[in-house]
Amino acid sequence: MAIQTPPSMAYYQPNPAASRKRKIGLMATGALIGMNAYYLPVQKDAFVQKAFDLTKADTNAQINSLAQAAKEVNENNLSTESKMILREMGLSENFNSITDKCIELDKTITDKRLSDNIKLNFINNYDAYKKYPSLMDDISNRAYRAVKKTKLRWGAGIGAAIGLALGLLTSRD
C-alpha cells in the first residue's frame, strides 16, 4: 500500500527570490507603519531631559572656547576668534575674568539648585511651547525635534523588526 501525496503538494518548490522579496516587503511595510510613532505626542519628561542635555552641551562648548581663550591670553597670543568670543560674552582680555566666567558657567549646570531652576523653566514653558511653537527658543526647538526624531527611529526599527518577523513566519523556507 503506497502513500499518496496530494497533487497540489507533489512537486512544489518555493521560490527563494519570492520569499526574500516578501520578507523585505513586510519589513519595509512594518518600518513605514512604525514611522508613525513620530506623530505621537512628546512627553514632558523626555522634552525637559533633552533640553537640559542640550543646554549642558552648549555650556560645555562655551567653557571649552573660554578655556582656549584663557590659554591664548596667558601666552599673550590672542586670536581674532577668541577676541570675538570674549566680546560677545562681555569679558575683558584678562585671565582672571575668563576663569571666573568659566566657573560661573560650570556652576549653572553642575549646581543642583541652578540646574533644577533650568529644568523648572523648561517644565513651566512646555505647555506654551506645544500650543505655540513660535515661542520656542533655539534649545527648546532642538530638544523638541530631537525627541521627535528619536521616536521616528525607534518606531521604524521596531516596525521593521515586527515586519521581518511576520515575513519569516509567512515564508515557506
C-alpha atoms as a PDB file:
ATOM      1  CA  MET A   1       0.000   0.000   0.000  1.00  0.00           C
ATOM      2  CA  ALA A   2       1.641   3.209  -1.186  1.00  0.00           C
ATOM      3  CA  ILE A   3       1.178   6.615   0.422  1.00  0.00           C
ATOM      4  CA  GLN A   4      -0.225   9.123  -1.972  1.00  0.00           C
ATOM      5  CA  THR A   5       0.620  12.781  -1.740  1.00  0.00           C
ATOM      6  CA  PRO A   6      -1.958  15.337  -2.706  1.00  0.00           C
ATOM      7  CA  PRO A   7      -1.420  16.646  -6.222  1.00  0.00           C
ATOM      8  CA  SER A   8      -1.069  20.246  -5.020  1.00  0.00           C
ATOM      9  CA  MET A   9       1.915  19.385  -2.771  1.00  0.00           C
ATOM     10  CA  ALA A  10       3.639  16.894  -5.069  1.00  0.00           C
ATOM     11  CA  TYR A  11       6.313  18.995  -6.719  1.00  0.00           C
ATOM     12  CA  TYR A  12       6.040  22.414  -5.095  1.00  0.00           C
ATOM     13  CA  GLN A  13       9.397  24.100  -4.605  1.00  0.00           C
ATOM     14  CA  PRO A  14       9.183  27.559  -3.016  1.00  0.00           C
ATOM     15  CA  ASN A  15      10.843  30.309  -4.982  1.00  0.00           C
ATOM     16  CA  PRO A  16      13.655  31.740  -2.793  1.00  0.00           C
ATOM     17  CA  ALA A  17      13.536  35.099  -4.592  1.00  0.00           C
ATOM     18  CA  ALA A  18       9.823  35.490  -3.911  1.00  0.00           C
ATOM     19  CA  SER A  19      10.341  34.567  -0.281  1.00  0.00           C
ATOM     20  CA  ARG A  20      13.155  37.120   0.054  1.00  0.00           C
ATOM     21  CA  LYS A  21      11.009  39.797  -1.586  1.00  0.00           C
ATOM     22  CA  ARG A  22       8.151  39.014   0.782  1.00  0.00           C
ATOM     23  CA  LYS A  23      10.449  39.376   3.810  1.00  0.00           C
ATOM     24  CA  ILE A  24      11.873  42.657   2.551  1.00  0.00           C
ATOM     25  CA  GLY A  25       8.429  43.959   1.662  1.00  0.00           C
ATOM     26  CA  LEU A  26       6.962  43.138   5.044  1.00  0.00           C
ATOM     27  CA  MET A  27       9.988  44.597   6.797  1.00  0.00           C
ATOM     28  CA  ALA A  28       9.700  47.836   4.809  1.00  0.00           C
ATOM     29  CA  THR A  29       5.958  47.974   5.405  1.00  0.00           C
ATOM     30  CA  GLY A  30       6.486  47.476   9.128  1.00  0.00           C
ATOM     31  CA  ALA A  31       9.119  50.225   9.166  1.00  0.00           C
ATOM     32  CA  LEU A  32       6.786  52.628   7.364  1.00  0.00           C
ATOM     33  CA  ILE A  33       3.971  51.859   9.765  1.00  0.00           C
ATOM     34  CA  GLY A  34       6.340  52.221  12.708  1.00  0.00           C
ATOM     35  CA  MET A  35       7.429  55.646  11.491  1.00  0.00           C
ATOM     36  CA  ASN A  36       4.024  56.923  12.575  1.00  0.00           C
ATOM     37  CA  ALA A  37       5.494  56.990  16.086  1.00  0.00           C
ATOM     38  CA  TYR A  38       6.833  60.396  15.003  1.00  0.00           C
ATOM     39  CA  TYR A  39       3.318  61.757  15.427  1.00  0.00           C
ATOM     40  CA  LEU A  40       2.891  60.508  18.977  1.00  0.00           C
ATOM     41  CA  PRO A  41       2.857  63.363  21.479  1.00  0.00           C
ATOM     42  CA  VAL A  42       6.152  64.393  23.036  1.00  0.00           C
ATOM     43  CA  GLN A  43       6.236  63.609  26.741  1.00  0.00           C
ATOM     44  CA  LYS A  44       7.170  66.424  29.081  1.00  0.00           C
ATOM     45  CA  ASP A  45       9.884  64.419  30.864  1.00  0.00           C
ATOM     46  CA  ALA A  46      11.643  63.450  27.631  1.00  0.00           C
ATOM     47  CA  PHE A  47      11.493  67.042  26.393  1.00  0.00           C
ATOM     48  CA  VAL A  48      12.851  68.507  29.633  1.00  0.00           C
ATOM     49  CA  GLN A  49      15.688  65.985  29.844  1.00  0.00           C
ATOM     50  CA  LYS A  50      16.713  66.513  26.217  1.00  0.00           C
ATOM     51  CA  ALA A  51      16.519  70.301  26.600  1.00  0.00           C
ATOM     52  CA  PHE A  52      18.711  70.164  29.702  1.00  0.00           C
ATOM     53  CA  ASP A  53      21.191  67.859  27.943  1.00  0.00           C
ATOM     54  CA  LEU A  54      21.432  70.333  25.052  1.00  0.00           C
ATOM     55  CA  THR A  55      21.861  73.228  27.489  1.00  0.00           C
ATOM     56  CA  LYS A  56      24.613  71.302  29.227  1.00  0.00           C
ATOM     57  CA  ALA A  57      26.356  70.552  25.923  1.00  0.00           C
ATOM     58  CA  ASP A  58      26.173  74.215  24.844  1.00  0.00           C
ATOM     59  CA  THR A  59      27.527  75.352  28.202  1.00  0.00           C
ATOM     60  CA  ASN A  60      30.397  72.874  27.985  1.00  0.00           C
ATOM     61  CA  ALA A  61      31.199  74.165  24.487  1.00  0.00           C
ATOM     62  CA  GLN A  62      31.301  77.732  25.836  1.00  0.00           C
ATOM     63  CA  ILE A  63      33.577  76.646  28.683  1.00  0.00           C
ATOM     64  CA  ASN A  64      35.915  74.934  26.216  1.00  0.00           C
ATOM     65  CA  SER A  65      36.126  78.014  23.986  1.00  0.00           C
ATOM     66  CA  LEU A  66      36.747  80.214  27.026  1.00  0.00           C
ATOM     67  CA  ALA A  67      39.440  77.836  28.249  1.00  0.00           C
ATOM     68  CA  GLN A  68      41.123  78.105  24.854  1.00  0.00           C
ATOM     69  CA  ALA A  69      40.887  81.901  25.054  1.00  0.00           C
ATOM     70  CA  ALA A  70      42.372  81.810  28.567  1.00  0.00           C
ATOM     71  CA  LYS A  71      45.355  79.813  27.268  1.00  0.00           C
ATOM     72  CA  GLU A  72      45.846  82.328  24.494  1.00  0.00           C
ATOM     73  CA  VAL A  73      45.636  85.254  26.945  1.00  0.00           C
ATOM     74  CA  ASN A  74      48.169  83.544  29.181  1.00  0.00           C
ATOM     75  CA  GLU A  75      50.554  83.199  26.202  1.00  0.00           C
ATOM     76  CA  ASN A  76      49.868  86.803  25.013  1.00  0.00           C
ATOM     77  CA  ASN A  77      48.770  85.439  21.641  1.00  0.00           C
ATOM     78  CA  LEU A  78      45.004  86.100  21.490  1.00  0.00           C
ATOM     79  CA  SER A  79      43.380  85.117  18.188  1.00  0.00           C
ATOM     80  CA  THR A  80      40.662  87.098  16.469  1.00  0.00           C
ATOM     81  CA  GLU A  81      38.138  84.340  17.117  1.00  0.00           C
ATOM     82  CA  SER A  82      38.888  84.391  20.841  1.00  0.00           C
ATOM     83  CA  LYS A  83      38.596  88.182  20.902  1.00  0.00           C
ATOM     84  CA  MET A  84      35.157  87.911  19.311  1.00  0.00           C
ATOM     85  CA  ILE A  85      34.053  85.260  21.817  1.00  0.00           C
ATOM     86  CA  LEU A  86      35.227  87.405  24.734  1.00  0.00           C
ATOM     87  CA  ARG A  87      33.460  90.498  23.362  1.00  0.00           C
ATOM     88  CA  GLU A  88      30.271  88.512  22.794  1.00  0.00           C
ATOM     89  CA  MET A  89      30.292  87.397  26.433  1.00  0.00           C
ATOM     90  CA  GLY A  90      31.228  90.850  27.684  1.00  0.00           C
ATOM     91  CA  LEU A  91      34.581  89.789  29.117  1.00  0.00           C
ATOM     92  CA  SER A  92      37.849  91.649  29.170  1.00  0.00           C
ATOM     93  CA  GLU A  93      41.047  90.110  27.898  1.00  0.00           C
ATOM     94  CA  ASN A  94      42.002  89.169  31.438  1.00  0.00           C
ATOM     95  CA  PHE A  95      42.835  85.647  32.602  1.00  0.00           C
ATOM     96  CA  ASN A  96      41.038  86.058  35.951  1.00  0.00           C
ATOM     97  CA  SER A  97      37.779  87.325  34.429  1.00  0.00           C
ATOM     98  CA  ILE A  98      37.765  84.459  31.928  1.00  0.00           C
ATOM     99  CA  THR A  99      38.385  81.936  34.708  1.00  0.00           C
ATOM    100  CA  ASP A 100      35.598  83.434  36.819  1.00  0.00           C
ATOM    101  CA  LYS A 101      33.196  83.196  33.875  1.00  0.00           C
ATOM    102  CA  CYS A 102      34.154  79.534  33.320  1.00  0.00           C
ATOM    103  CA  ILE A 103      33.468  78.775  36.986  1.00  0.00           C
ATOM    104  CA  GLU A 104      30.130  80.593  36.784  1.00  0.00           C
ATOM    105  CA  LEU A 105      29.100  78.683  33.650  1.00  0.00           C
ATOM    106  CA  ASP A 106      30.155  75.370  35.171  1.00  0.00           C
ATOM    107  CA  LYS A 107      28.148  76.145  38.281  1.00  0.00           C
ATOM    108  CA  THR A 108      24.952  76.684  36.260  1.00  0.00           C
ATOM    109  CA  ILE A 109      24.946  73.090  35.050  1.00  0.00           C
ATOM    110  CA  THR A 110      26.531  71.297  38.000  1.00  0.00           C
ATOM    111  CA  ASP A 111      24.871  73.057  40.950  1.00  0.00           C
ATOM    112  CA  LYS A 112      21.716  71.170  41.940  1.00  0.00           C
ATOM    113  CA  ARG A 113      19.666  74.288  42.692  1.00  0.00           C
ATOM    114  CA  LEU A 114      20.602  76.121  39.485  1.00  0.00           C
ATOM    115  CA  SER A 115      20.118  73.078  37.255  1.00  0.00           C
ATOM    116  CA  ASP A 116      16.729  72.451  38.869  1.00  0.00           C
ATOM    117  CA  ASN A 117      15.774  76.046  38.051  1.00  0.00           C
ATOM    118  CA  ILE A 118      16.717  75.473  34.408  1.00  0.00           C
ATOM    119  CA  LYS A 119      14.630  72.292  34.293  1.00  0.00           C
ATOM    120  CA  LEU A 120      11.732  74.040  36.051  1.00  0.00           C
ATOM    121  CA  ASN A 121      11.836  76.751  33.390  1.00  0.00           C
ATOM    122  CA  PHE A 122      11.509  74.131  30.654  1.00  0.00           C
ATOM    123  CA  ILE A 123       8.672  72.411  32.560  1.00  0.00           C
ATOM    124  CA  ASN A 124       6.763  75.679  33.038  1.00  0.00           C
ATOM    125  CA  ASN A 125       7.083  76.640  29.378  1.00  0.00           C
ATOM    126  CA  TYR A 126       6.325  73.175  27.956  1.00  0.00           C
ATOM    127  CA  ASP A 127       2.563  73.714  27.526  1.00  0.00           C
ATOM    128  CA  ALA A 128       3.100  77.082  25.849  1.00  0.00           C
ATOM    129  CA  TYR A 129       5.662  75.510  23.517  1.00  0.00           C
ATOM    130  CA  LYS A 130       3.197  72.811  22.488  1.00  0.00           C
ATOM    131  CA  LYS A 131       0.419  75.304  21.769  1.00  0.00           C
ATOM    132  CA  TYR A 132       2.608  77.966  20.158  1.00  0.00           C
ATOM    133  CA  PRO A 133       5.797  76.530  18.651  1.00  0.00           C
ATOM    134  CA  SER A 134       6.876  80.019  17.620  1.00  0.00           C
ATOM    135  CA  LEU A 135       7.575  80.783  21.289  1.00  0.00           C
ATOM    136  CA  MET A 136      10.348  78.176  21.448  1.00  0.00           C
ATOM    137  CA  ASP A 137      13.899  79.310  21.766  1.00  0.00           C
ATOM    138  CA  ASP A 138      16.707  77.513  19.950  1.00  0.00           C
ATOM    139  CA  ILE A 139      17.388  74.982  22.714  1.00  0.00           C
ATOM    140  CA  SER A 140      13.713  74.076  23.109  1.00  0.00           C
ATOM    141  CA  ASN A 141      13.237  73.733  19.369  1.00  0.00           C
ATOM    142  CA  ARG A 142      16.258  71.463  19.040  1.00  0.00           C
ATOM    143  CA  ALA A 143      15.104  69.379  22.018  1.00  0.00           C
ATOM    144  CA  TYR A 144      11.583  69.002  20.620  1.00  0.00           C
ATOM    145  CA  ARG A 145      12.902  67.948  17.207  1.00  0.00           C
ATOM    146  CA  ALA A 146      15.405  65.540  18.755  1.00  0.00           C
ATOM    147  CA  VAL A 147      12.682  63.784  20.749  1.00  0.00           C
ATOM    148  CA  LYS A 148      10.530  63.502  17.615  1.00  0.00           C
ATOM    149  CA  LYS A 149      13.452  62.077  15.594  1.00  0.00           C
ATOM    150  CA  THR A 150      14.157  59.548  18.327  1.00  0.00           C
ATOM    151  CA  LYS A 151      10.530  58.419  18.190  1.00  0.00           C
ATOM    152  CA  LEU A 152      10.783  58.125  14.408  1.00  0.00           C
ATOM    153  CA  ARG A 153      13.914  55.968  14.613  1.00  0.00           C
ATOM    154  CA  TRP A 154      12.564  53.722  17.355  1.00  0.00           C
ATOM    155  CA  GLY A 155       9.249  53.331  15.545  1.00  0.00           C
ATOM    156  CA  ALA A 156      10.961  52.452  12.266  1.00  0.00           C
ATOM    157  CA  GLY A 157      13.256  49.961  13.984  1.00  0.00           C
ATOM    158  CA  ILE A 158      10.509  48.237  15.932  1.00  0.00           C
ATOM    159  CA  GLY A 159       8.216  48.226  12.894  1.00  0.00           C
ATOM    160  CA  ALA A 160      10.965  46.723  10.734  1.00  0.00           C
ATOM    161  CA  ALA A 161      11.622  44.022  13.332  1.00  0.00           C
ATOM    162  CA  ILE A 162       7.936  43.143  13.507  1.00  0.00           C
ATOM    163  CA  GLY A 163       7.695  43.179   9.704  1.00  0.00           C
ATOM    164  CA  LEU A 164      10.719  40.907   9.418  1.00  0.00           C
ATOM    165  CA  ALA A 165       9.227  38.529  11.976  1.00  0.00           C
ATOM    166  CA  LEU A 166       5.985  38.421  10.007  1.00  0.00           C
ATOM    167  CA  GLY A 167       7.949  37.891   6.817  1.00  0.00           C
ATOM    168  CA  LEU A 168       9.775  34.964   8.354  1.00  0.00           C
ATOM    169  CA  LEU A 169       6.526  33.492   9.626  1.00  0.00           C
ATOM    170  CA  THR A 170       4.784  33.767   6.286  1.00  0.00           C
ATOM    171  CA  SER A 171       7.652  32.487   4.172  1.00  0.00           C
ATOM    172  CA  ARG A 172       7.776  28.831   3.304  1.00  0.00           C
ATOM    173  CA  ASP A 173      11.541  28.439   3.616  1.00  0.00           C
END
